[in-house]
Amino acid sequence: MLIKKLADENITVEQVVEDAEATIVSKAVEGTRQCDCVIIVGEDIDLPVILTALASDNNLLFLMKPGKRKQRLSSIPQHTLKCQRK
């Protein structure tokens, strides 16, 4: 029901059975080809690891972790997750 409601609002939805984190990051990286900025919201520790592996330095991706009820979302710019090569 939620998928249909989101789709009715022109929100792209993809349901996966397993390995959702990799799918989330892959779709976000693809999304940077169409948008200037993509935001991923999640708490799973795999998200920043996969994001670091799949995203290039010129992707403008942000990983946001939901805070407690009265706190704002905290964000980590993707480029800070990359190791700087010398």
C-alpha atoms as a PDB file:
ATOM      1  CA  MET A   1       0.000   0.000   0.000  1.00  0.00           C
ATOM      2  CA  LEU A   2       2.809   2.428   0.822  1.00  0.00           C
ATOM      3  CA  ILE A   3       4.540   1.647  -2.476  1.00  0.00           C
ATOM      4  CA  LYS A   4       1.384   2.491  -4.418  1.00  0.00           C
ATOM      5  CA  LYS A   5       0.850   5.730  -2.492  1.00  0.00           C
ATOM      6  CA  LEU A   6       4.440   6.847  -3.131  1.00  0.00           C
ATOM      7  CA  ALA A   7       4.234   5.866  -6.802  1.00  0.00           C
ATOM      8  CA  ASP A   8       0.989   7.862  -7.114  1.00  0.00           C
ATOM      9  CA  GLU A   9       2.966  10.913  -5.924  1.00  0.00           C
ATOM     10  CA  ASN A  10       5.605  10.346  -8.668  1.00  0.00           C
ATOM     11  CA  ILE A  11       8.164   9.055  -6.175  1.00  0.00           C
ATOM     12  CA  THR A  12      10.357   6.307  -7.591  1.00  0.00           C
ATOM     13  CA  VAL A  13       9.982   3.128  -5.554  1.00  0.00           C
ATOM     14  CA  GLU A  14      11.856  -0.150  -5.794  1.00  0.00           C
ATOM     15  CA  GLN A  15      11.187  -3.056  -3.479  1.00  0.00           C
ATOM     16  CA  VAL A  16      14.069  -5.473  -2.925  1.00  0.00           C
ATOM     17  CA  VAL A  17      14.160  -8.751  -1.039  1.00  0.00           C
ATOM     18  CA  GLU A  18      17.769  -8.678   0.122  1.00  0.00           C
ATOM     19  CA  ASP A  19      20.910  -6.542  -0.100  1.00  0.00           C
ATOM     20  CA  ALA A  20      18.839  -3.367   0.172  1.00  0.00           C
ATOM     21  CA  GLU A  21      21.813  -1.226   1.223  1.00  0.00           C
ATOM     22  CA  ALA A  22      23.702  -1.851  -2.022  1.00  0.00           C
ATOM     23  CA  THR A  23      20.551  -1.127  -4.029  1.00  0.00           C
ATOM     24  CA  ILE A  24      19.949   2.121  -2.114  1.00  0.00           C
ATOM     25  CA  VAL A  25      23.469   3.384  -2.775  1.00  0.00           C
ATOM     26  CA  SER A  26      23.485   2.230  -6.422  1.00  0.00           C
ATOM     27  CA  LYS A  27      20.226   4.092  -7.073  1.00  0.00           C
ATOM     28  CA  ALA A  28      21.586   7.183  -5.318  1.00  0.00           C
ATOM     29  CA  VAL A  29      24.735   7.148  -7.465  1.00  0.00           C
ATOM     30  CA  GLU A  30      22.557   6.762 -10.583  1.00  0.00           C
ATOM     31  CA  GLY A  31      20.400   9.634  -9.323  1.00  0.00           C
ATOM     32  CA  THR A  32      23.340  12.033  -9.389  1.00  0.00           C
ATOM     33  CA  ARG A  33      23.247  11.781 -13.180  1.00  0.00           C
ATOM     34  CA  GLN A  34      19.765  13.341 -13.146  1.00  0.00           C
ATOM     35  CA  CYS A  35      19.951  15.662 -10.110  1.00  0.00           C
ATOM     36  CA  ASP A  36      22.561  17.968  -8.664  1.00  0.00           C
ATOM     37  CA  CYS A  37      22.301  16.463  -5.192  1.00  0.00           C
ATOM     38  CA  VAL A  38      21.084  13.171  -3.726  1.00  0.00           C
ATOM     39  CA  ILE A  39      20.431  12.547  -0.041  1.00  0.00           C
ATOM     40  CA  ILE A  40      20.389   9.090   1.542  1.00  0.00           C
ATOM     41  CA  VAL A  41      18.714   8.826   4.948  1.00  0.00           C
ATOM     42  CA  GLY A  42      19.552   5.767   7.008  1.00  0.00           C
ATOM     43  CA  GLU A  43      21.232   4.334  10.054  1.00  0.00           C
ATOM     44  CA  ASP A  44      22.779   1.151   8.657  1.00  0.00           C
ATOM     45  CA  ILE A  45      26.569   1.088   9.035  1.00  0.00           C
ATOM     46  CA  ASP A  46      26.868  -0.508   5.578  1.00  0.00           C
ATOM     47  CA  LEU A  47      25.569   2.621   3.834  1.00  0.00           C
ATOM     48  CA  PRO A  48      28.699   4.799   4.244  1.00  0.00           C
ATOM     49  CA  VAL A  49      30.953   1.833   3.431  1.00  0.00           C
ATOM     50  CA  ILE A  50      29.096   1.037   0.198  1.00  0.00           C
ATOM     51  CA  LEU A  51      28.809   4.748  -0.614  1.00  0.00           C
ATOM     52  CA  THR A  52      32.570   5.142  -0.297  1.00  0.00           C
ATOM     53  CA  ALA A  53      33.145   2.187  -2.629  1.00  0.00           C
ATOM     54  CA  LEU A  54      30.625   3.079  -5.346  1.00  0.00           C
ATOM     55  CA  ALA A  55      30.506   6.867  -5.571  1.00  0.00           C
ATOM     56  CA  SER A  56      33.050   8.927  -7.451  1.00  0.00           C
ATOM     57  CA  ASP A  57      34.622  12.076  -6.026  1.00  0.00           C
ATOM     58  CA  ASN A  58      32.446  14.329  -8.167  1.00  0.00           C
ATOM     59  CA  ASN A  59      29.099  12.864  -6.985  1.00  0.00           C
ATOM     60  CA  LEU A  60      27.266  15.248  -4.655  1.00  0.00           C
ATOM     61  CA  LEU A  61      25.798  12.689  -2.265  1.00  0.00           C
ATOM     62  CA  PHE A  62      24.916  13.186   1.372  1.00  0.00           C
ATOM     63  CA  LEU A  63      24.306  10.514   3.969  1.00  0.00           C
ATOM     64  CA  MET A  64      21.911  11.658   6.664  1.00  0.00           C
ATOM     65  CA  LYS A  65      21.325   9.862   9.922  1.00  0.00           C
ATOM     66  CA  PRO A  66      17.977  10.521  11.596  1.00  0.00           C
ATOM     67  CA  GLY A  67      18.480  11.972  15.057  1.00  0.00           C
ATOM     68  CA  LYS A  68      16.354  11.673  18.139  1.00  0.00           C
ATOM     69  CA  ARG A  69      12.917  13.252  18.108  1.00  0.00           C
ATOM     70  CA  LYS A  70      13.905  16.815  18.940  1.00  0.00           C
ATOM     71  CA  GLN A  71      17.164  16.867  17.014  1.00  0.00           C
ATOM     72  CA  ARG A  72      17.757  17.749  13.400  1.00  0.00           C
ATOM     73  CA  LEU A  73      19.204  15.292  10.935  1.00  0.00           C
ATOM     74  CA  SER A  74      22.975  15.154  10.949  1.00  0.00           C
ATOM     75  CA  SER A  75      24.749  14.824   7.623  1.00  0.00           C
ATOM     76  CA  ILE A  76      28.096  13.582   6.418  1.00  0.00           C
ATOM     77  CA  PRO A  77      29.165  14.912   2.999  1.00  0.00           C
ATOM     78  CA  GLN A  78      30.209  11.965   0.823  1.00  0.00           C
ATOM     79  CA  HIS A  79      33.512  13.566  -0.188  1.00  0.00           C
ATOM     80  CA  THR A  80      34.659  13.505   3.449  1.00  0.00           C
ATOM     81  CA  LEU A  81      34.324   9.719   3.414  1.00  0.00           C
ATOM     82  CA  LYS A  82      36.858   9.358   0.601  1.00  0.00           C
ATOM     83  CA  CYS A  83      40.543   8.912   1.332  1.00  0.00           C
ATOM     84  CA  GLN A  84      42.531  11.705  -0.245  1.00  0.00           C
ATOM     85  CA  ARG A  85      45.161  10.321  -2.608  1.00  0.00           C
ATOM     86  CA  LYS A  86      48.546  12.010  -2.764  1.00  0.00           C
END
